[in-house]
Amino acid sequence: MTIKKLAIGVGIALVVLIAAVWWLFFWGDTPEAVDVDAANTQLDVDLATASDNAPATAPEAFDGDINATWVVDDEIGEFDFETASGSFAGFRVDEELTIGEVVAVGRTGGVSGTVTIEGGRLTGTDITVDMGSITSNDTRREFPIRRAVMADEFPTATFVLTTPVDLPVGLADGETATVDAAGDLTVAGTTNEATFTIEALVRDDGFGVITGSATITWEDFGVTPPSAPIVVSIDDSGIIEFQLIVAKG
């Protein structure tokens, strides 16, 4: 075999290897960040699907009064990365790999809790997330993620509001409200204050749709991002996000 042919063969092999690695780590779309309008549209789809297959469990029609304890619904929709339906919570973080940059996403549909509104103010949240059920758009990340957040030792993460928030009057009239909500975020057994930018709307059918996101620094929660030979770096900070479908309790 001539040196030229050998070089060509090595070049082809490298191209194939790069293509294979690219497919393994980049194939498939990264889930979009949470968005209240997208969540509302998906809820329409989920309700229609539920009605086709079996009677959907629906709340009473909205009576114009937002003051109540709203309970996170865990029946409507079935969470997955393609549709992002139902209630879920998770994170997004930028990764630099040896072959390019990606956004790593981890999410779980294991979300429960309540959101309380009194006197037109958001006065309480008690949200619990099952960290042991986190999945990813790349399944190979899932075990390292759960290990990084010490899910075996600390199986849940929580967010509890600490400061009441005035809500726009228009929320009761079908308008989308955007507010900042500060509270105690507990991840991996460590609690720090976090401020979530929240968008919410109330539907005529009685469901409420809430999305929120906050930027945190992993080190503040004692979390060391997982590593792998192909990973050059992972951002020190990431975005915690959630999507909640709620109904009056």
Foldseek 3Di string as FASTA:
>chain_A
DDPVVVVVVVVVVVVVVLVVVCCQPPPDDAADADDQVLQVVLLVVQCVVCVVVHHDDFDAFQPLDPAFKKWFDLPGDDDDRVRRYGKKKWWWWWFAFPNGIDIKIKMDSQKTWIWGDDPQKGDKTWMKHQLLRIAIPNRVCNVQSCVQQVCVVVRIKIWIFDDIGHWDSCQSVFDKTWDKTWTWIATSRATDIWIWTKIKHADRRFKIKMKIKTKDFCVNNVGDRDDDPRTPDIDRIIMIMIITIIGGD
